[in-house]
Amino acid sequence: MLYLVISNPRPEPPSDAVHRQKAFWDWFGPLRERGVARHAYARVGRGLVAVFDVESHEALHALLTQWAEHVPASFQVEPLLDPAFKERIVRAAAGD
């Protein structure tokens, strides 16, 4: 299951958060290597946008809980469909 996650870290001076941010990247790197985090982009200013590929809502919840332990934040979560799946649905509805 694919999810787009947009983080909104709580406001604090960047110098106060640098050690937590380092711990976040140490935690996040292996997720990228395993393909759990498919994409990640830093937002201008603060925050991150990531696409996760997980097996369940519970797995995503666990990731976001771990994320917030490193960088306290609120999250906007959007479930995503694989484009190939959406294309098959449209083609089937069109009779192709």
N, C-alpha and C. Protein backbone atom coordinates (compact mmCIF):
# COMPACT_ATOMS: atom_id res chain seq x y z
N MET A 1 0.85 -1.16 0.00
CA MET A 1 0.00 0.00 0.00
C MET A 1 0.90 1.23 0.00
N LEU A 2 0.58 2.15 -0.89
CA LEU A 2 1.39 3.37 -1.01
C LEU A 2 0.72 4.53 -0.27
N TYR A 3 1.54 5.31 0.42
CA TYR A 3 1.05 6.49 1.14
C TYR A 3 2.00 7.65 0.92
N LEU A 4 1.43 8.79 0.62
CA LEU A 4 2.18 10.04 0.60
C LEU A 4 2.05 10.65 1.99
N VAL A 5 3.18 10.96 2.61
CA VAL A 5 3.18 11.54 3.95
C VAL A 5 3.91 12.88 3.89
N ILE A 6 3.24 13.91 4.38
CA ILE A 6 3.81 15.26 4.45
C ILE A 6 3.96 15.61 5.93
N SER A 7 5.20 15.87 6.33
CA SER A 7 5.43 16.20 7.75
C SER A 7 5.44 17.72 7.94
N ASN A 8 4.92 18.11 9.07
CA ASN A 8 4.94 19.51 9.51
C ASN A 8 5.54 19.54 10.90
N PRO A 9 6.88 19.65 10.98
CA PRO A 9 7.53 19.64 12.30
C PRO A 9 7.10 20.82 13.15
N ARG A 10 7.13 20.60 14.45
CA ARG A 10 6.79 21.70 15.34
C ARG A 10 7.87 22.78 15.20
N PRO A 11 7.48 24.03 15.32
CA PRO A 11 8.45 25.11 15.13
C PRO A 11 9.43 25.19 16.30
N GLU A 12 10.68 25.15 15.97
CA GLU A 12 11.75 25.35 16.94
C GLU A 12 12.99 25.73 16.15
N PRO A 13 13.94 26.39 16.78
CA PRO A 13 15.15 26.78 16.06
C PRO A 13 15.87 25.56 15.50
N PRO A 14 16.32 25.64 14.24
CA PRO A 14 17.02 24.49 13.64
C PRO A 14 18.20 24.00 14.47
N SER A 15 18.90 24.92 15.13
CA SER A 15 20.06 24.50 15.94
C SER A 15 19.64 23.63 17.12
N ASP A 16 18.40 23.80 17.60
CA ASP A 16 17.90 22.98 18.70
C ASP A 16 17.52 21.57 18.24
N ALA A 17 17.27 21.41 16.95
CA ALA A 17 16.76 20.14 16.42
C ALA A 17 17.80 19.30 15.70
N VAL A 18 19.02 19.82 15.55
CA VAL A 18 20.00 19.16 14.69
C VAL A 18 20.31 17.73 15.14
N HIS A 19 20.39 17.45 16.42
CA HIS A 19 20.71 16.10 16.87
C HIS A 19 19.55 15.13 16.61
N ARG A 20 18.33 15.62 16.81
CA ARG A 20 17.16 14.78 16.50
C ARG A 20 17.06 14.54 14.99
N GLN A 21 17.39 15.56 14.19
CA GLN A 21 17.34 15.39 12.74
C GLN A 21 18.37 14.37 12.28
N LYS A 22 19.56 14.40 12.88
CA LYS A 22 20.58 13.40 12.53
C LYS A 22 20.07 12.00 12.86
N ALA A 23 19.47 11.83 14.04
CA ALA A 23 18.91 10.53 14.42
C ALA A 23 17.80 10.12 13.45
N PHE A 24 17.01 11.09 13.00
CA PHE A 24 15.96 10.78 12.01
C PHE A 24 16.58 10.20 10.75
N TRP A 25 17.62 10.83 10.21
CA TRP A 25 18.23 10.35 8.97
C TRP A 25 18.90 9.00 9.17
N ASP A 26 19.45 8.76 10.34
CA ASP A 26 20.01 7.44 10.64
C ASP A 26 18.92 6.37 10.63
N TRP A 27 17.73 6.72 11.11
CA TRP A 27 16.59 5.81 11.11
C TRP A 27 16.00 5.66 9.71
N PHE A 28 15.90 6.77 8.97
CA PHE A 28 15.23 6.78 7.68
C PHE A 28 16.04 6.10 6.58
N GLY A 29 17.37 6.19 6.64
CA GLY A 29 18.23 5.62 5.60
C GLY A 29 17.95 4.15 5.31
N PRO A 30 17.91 3.30 6.32
CA PRO A 30 17.60 1.89 6.07
C PRO A 30 16.21 1.66 5.46
N LEU A 31 15.25 2.52 5.78
CA LEU A 31 13.92 2.40 5.17
C LEU A 31 14.01 2.63 3.67
N ARG A 32 14.83 3.58 3.25
CA ARG A 32 15.03 3.84 1.83
C ARG A 32 15.74 2.67 1.17
N GLU A 33 16.76 2.14 1.85
CA GLU A 33 17.51 1.01 1.29
C GLU A 33 16.63 -0.22 1.08
N ARG A 34 15.67 -0.45 1.99
CA ARG A 34 14.77 -1.61 1.89
C ARG A 34 13.59 -1.36 0.97
N GLY A 35 13.41 -0.12 0.50
CA GLY A 35 12.29 0.19 -0.39
C GLY A 35 11.00 0.50 0.33
N VAL A 36 11.03 0.55 1.67
CA VAL A 36 9.84 0.93 2.43
C VAL A 36 9.53 2.41 2.18
N ALA A 37 10.57 3.22 2.17
CA ALA A 37 10.44 4.63 1.78
C ALA A 37 10.91 4.73 0.34
N ARG A 38 9.96 4.87 -0.57
CA ARG A 38 10.30 4.88 -1.99
C ARG A 38 10.89 6.22 -2.44
N HIS A 39 10.35 7.28 -1.90
CA HIS A 39 10.81 8.63 -2.27
C HIS A 39 10.82 9.50 -1.04
N ALA A 40 11.70 10.49 -1.02
CA ALA A 40 11.73 11.47 0.06
C ALA A 40 12.28 12.77 -0.48
N TYR A 41 11.59 13.84 -0.16
CA TYR A 41 12.02 15.17 -0.58
C TYR A 41 11.88 16.13 0.58
N ALA A 42 12.93 16.89 0.83
CA ALA A 42 12.86 17.93 1.87
C ALA A 42 11.99 19.07 1.35
N ARG A 43 11.19 19.61 2.24
CA ARG A 43 10.36 20.76 1.88
C ARG A 43 11.16 22.03 2.12
N VAL A 44 10.89 23.05 1.35
CA VAL A 44 11.54 24.34 1.55
C VAL A 44 11.12 24.85 2.93
N GLY A 45 12.08 25.26 3.71
CA GLY A 45 11.81 25.72 5.07
C GLY A 45 12.02 24.60 6.07
N ARG A 46 11.03 23.76 6.22
CA ARG A 46 11.14 22.61 7.13
C ARG A 46 10.13 21.56 6.74
N GLY A 47 10.43 20.34 7.09
CA GLY A 47 9.53 19.24 6.81
C GLY A 47 10.04 18.35 5.69
N LEU A 48 9.30 17.28 5.47
CA LEU A 48 9.68 16.28 4.49
C LEU A 48 8.42 15.73 3.85
N VAL A 49 8.54 15.35 2.58
CA VAL A 49 7.48 14.64 1.87
C VAL A 49 8.05 13.28 1.53
N ALA A 50 7.35 12.20 1.87
CA ALA A 50 7.84 10.86 1.60
C ALA A 50 6.72 9.99 1.07
N VAL A 51 7.09 9.01 0.25
CA VAL A 51 6.16 7.98 -0.20
C VAL A 51 6.61 6.67 0.43
N PHE A 52 5.71 6.07 1.21
CA PHE A 52 5.97 4.80 1.86
C PHE A 52 5.21 3.68 1.17
N ASP A 53 5.83 2.51 1.11
CA ASP A 53 5.19 1.30 0.61
C ASP A 53 5.16 0.31 1.76
N VAL A 54 3.98 0.17 2.37
CA VAL A 54 3.84 -0.69 3.55
C VAL A 54 2.68 -1.66 3.35
N GLU A 55 2.64 -2.68 4.19
CA GLU A 55 1.64 -3.75 4.07
C GLU A 55 0.30 -3.41 4.71
N SER A 56 0.28 -2.45 5.64
CA SER A 56 -0.96 -2.20 6.38
C SER A 56 -0.97 -0.79 6.97
N HIS A 57 -2.16 -0.40 7.42
CA HIS A 57 -2.29 0.87 8.13
C HIS A 57 -1.49 0.83 9.42
N GLU A 58 -1.47 -0.32 10.05
CA GLU A 58 -0.74 -0.46 11.31
C GLU A 58 0.77 -0.26 11.10
N ALA A 59 1.28 -0.77 9.97
CA ALA A 59 2.70 -0.59 9.67
C ALA A 59 3.01 0.89 9.44
N LEU A 60 2.12 1.58 8.75
CA LEU A 60 2.32 3.02 8.55
C LEU A 60 2.26 3.75 9.88
N HIS A 61 1.31 3.39 10.72
CA HIS A 61 1.19 4.02 12.04
C HIS A 61 2.48 3.85 12.83
N ALA A 62 3.05 2.66 12.80
CA ALA A 62 4.30 2.41 13.52
C ALA A 62 5.42 3.30 12.98
N LEU A 63 5.50 3.44 11.67
CA LEU A 63 6.54 4.30 11.07
C LEU A 63 6.37 5.75 11.49
N LEU A 64 5.13 6.24 11.47
CA LEU A 64 4.90 7.64 11.82
C LEU A 64 5.17 7.88 13.31
N THR A 65 4.90 6.90 14.14
CA THR A 65 5.22 7.02 15.56
C THR A 65 6.72 7.10 15.76
N GLN A 66 7.46 6.25 15.05
CA GLN A 66 8.92 6.29 15.14
C GLN A 66 9.45 7.61 14.60
N TRP A 67 8.91 8.08 13.48
CA TRP A 67 9.31 9.35 12.89
C TRP A 67 9.15 10.46 13.92
N ALA A 68 7.97 10.52 14.55
CA ALA A 68 7.69 11.59 15.51
C ALA A 68 8.57 11.50 16.75
N GLU A 69 9.11 10.33 17.06
CA GLU A 69 10.07 10.22 18.16
C GLU A 69 11.35 10.98 17.83
N HIS A 70 11.72 10.99 16.56
CA HIS A 70 12.93 11.69 16.13
C HIS A 70 12.66 13.17 15.88
N VAL A 71 11.60 13.45 15.15
CA VAL A 71 11.25 14.83 14.81
C VAL A 71 9.76 15.00 15.10
N PRO A 72 9.41 15.57 16.25
CA PRO A 72 7.99 15.77 16.56
C PRO A 72 7.30 16.59 15.47
N ALA A 73 6.21 16.04 14.96
CA ALA A 73 5.55 16.66 13.82
C ALA A 73 4.10 16.21 13.75
N SER A 74 3.32 16.95 12.99
CA SER A 74 2.01 16.45 12.57
C SER A 74 2.19 15.96 11.14
N PHE A 75 1.30 15.07 10.72
CA PHE A 75 1.43 14.45 9.40
C PHE A 75 0.13 14.55 8.62
N GLN A 76 0.26 14.84 7.35
CA GLN A 76 -0.84 14.72 6.42
C GLN A 76 -0.58 13.44 5.64
N VAL A 77 -1.55 12.53 5.61
CA VAL A 77 -1.37 11.24 4.96
C VAL A 77 -2.39 11.08 3.85
N GLU A 78 -1.90 10.73 2.67
CA GLU A 78 -2.76 10.51 1.50
C GLU A 78 -2.51 9.11 0.95
N PRO A 79 -3.53 8.24 0.93
CA PRO A 79 -3.35 6.94 0.30
C PRO A 79 -3.20 7.13 -1.21
N LEU A 80 -2.36 6.32 -1.83
CA LEU A 80 -2.09 6.44 -3.26
C LEU A 80 -2.41 5.13 -3.97
N LEU A 81 -2.77 5.25 -5.25
CA LEU A 81 -2.96 4.10 -6.11
C LEU A 81 -1.82 4.04 -7.10
N ASP A 82 -1.36 2.84 -7.38
CA ASP A 82 -0.36 2.66 -8.43
C ASP A 82 -0.99 3.09 -9.76
N PRO A 83 -0.30 3.90 -10.58
CA PRO A 83 -0.88 4.37 -11.84
C PRO A 83 -1.31 3.22 -12.77
N ALA A 84 -0.59 2.11 -12.76
CA ALA A 84 -0.95 0.98 -13.62
C ALA A 84 -2.31 0.40 -13.20
N PHE A 85 -2.57 0.34 -11.90
CA PHE A 85 -3.86 -0.14 -11.41
C PHE A 85 -4.98 0.77 -11.87
N LYS A 86 -4.78 2.07 -11.72
CA LYS A 86 -5.80 3.04 -12.14
C LYS A 86 -6.05 2.94 -13.64
N GLU A 87 -4.99 2.79 -14.42
CA GLU A 87 -5.13 2.66 -15.87
C GLU A 87 -5.96 1.42 -16.21
N ARG A 88 -5.71 0.28 -15.55
CA ARG A 88 -6.48 -0.95 -15.82
C ARG A 88 -7.95 -0.73 -15.52
N ILE A 89 -8.27 -0.03 -14.43
CA ILE A 89 -9.66 0.24 -14.09
C ILE A 89 -10.34 1.06 -15.18
N VAL A 90 -9.66 2.10 -15.63
CA VAL A 90 -10.23 2.99 -16.65
C VAL A 90 -10.42 2.21 -17.96
N ARG A 91 -9.42 1.44 -18.35
CA ARG A 91 -9.52 0.69 -19.60
C ARG A 91 -10.64 -0.35 -19.53
N ALA A 92 -10.77 -1.01 -18.37
CA ALA A 92 -11.85 -1.98 -18.22
C ALA A 92 -13.22 -1.31 -18.29
N ALA A 93 -13.35 -0.15 -17.68
CA ALA A 93 -14.62 0.59 -17.73
C ALA A 93 -14.93 1.07 -19.15
N ALA A 94 -13.89 1.34 -19.92
CA ALA A 94 -14.07 1.81 -21.29
C ALA A 94 -14.27 0.64 -22.26
N GLY A 95 -14.12 -0.60 -21.76
CA GLY A 95 -14.31 -1.76 -22.61
C GLY A 95 -13.08 -2.15 -23.39
N ASP A 96 -11.93 -1.65 -23.01
CA ASP A 96 -10.67 -2.02 -23.70
C ASP A 96 -10.12 -3.32 -23.20
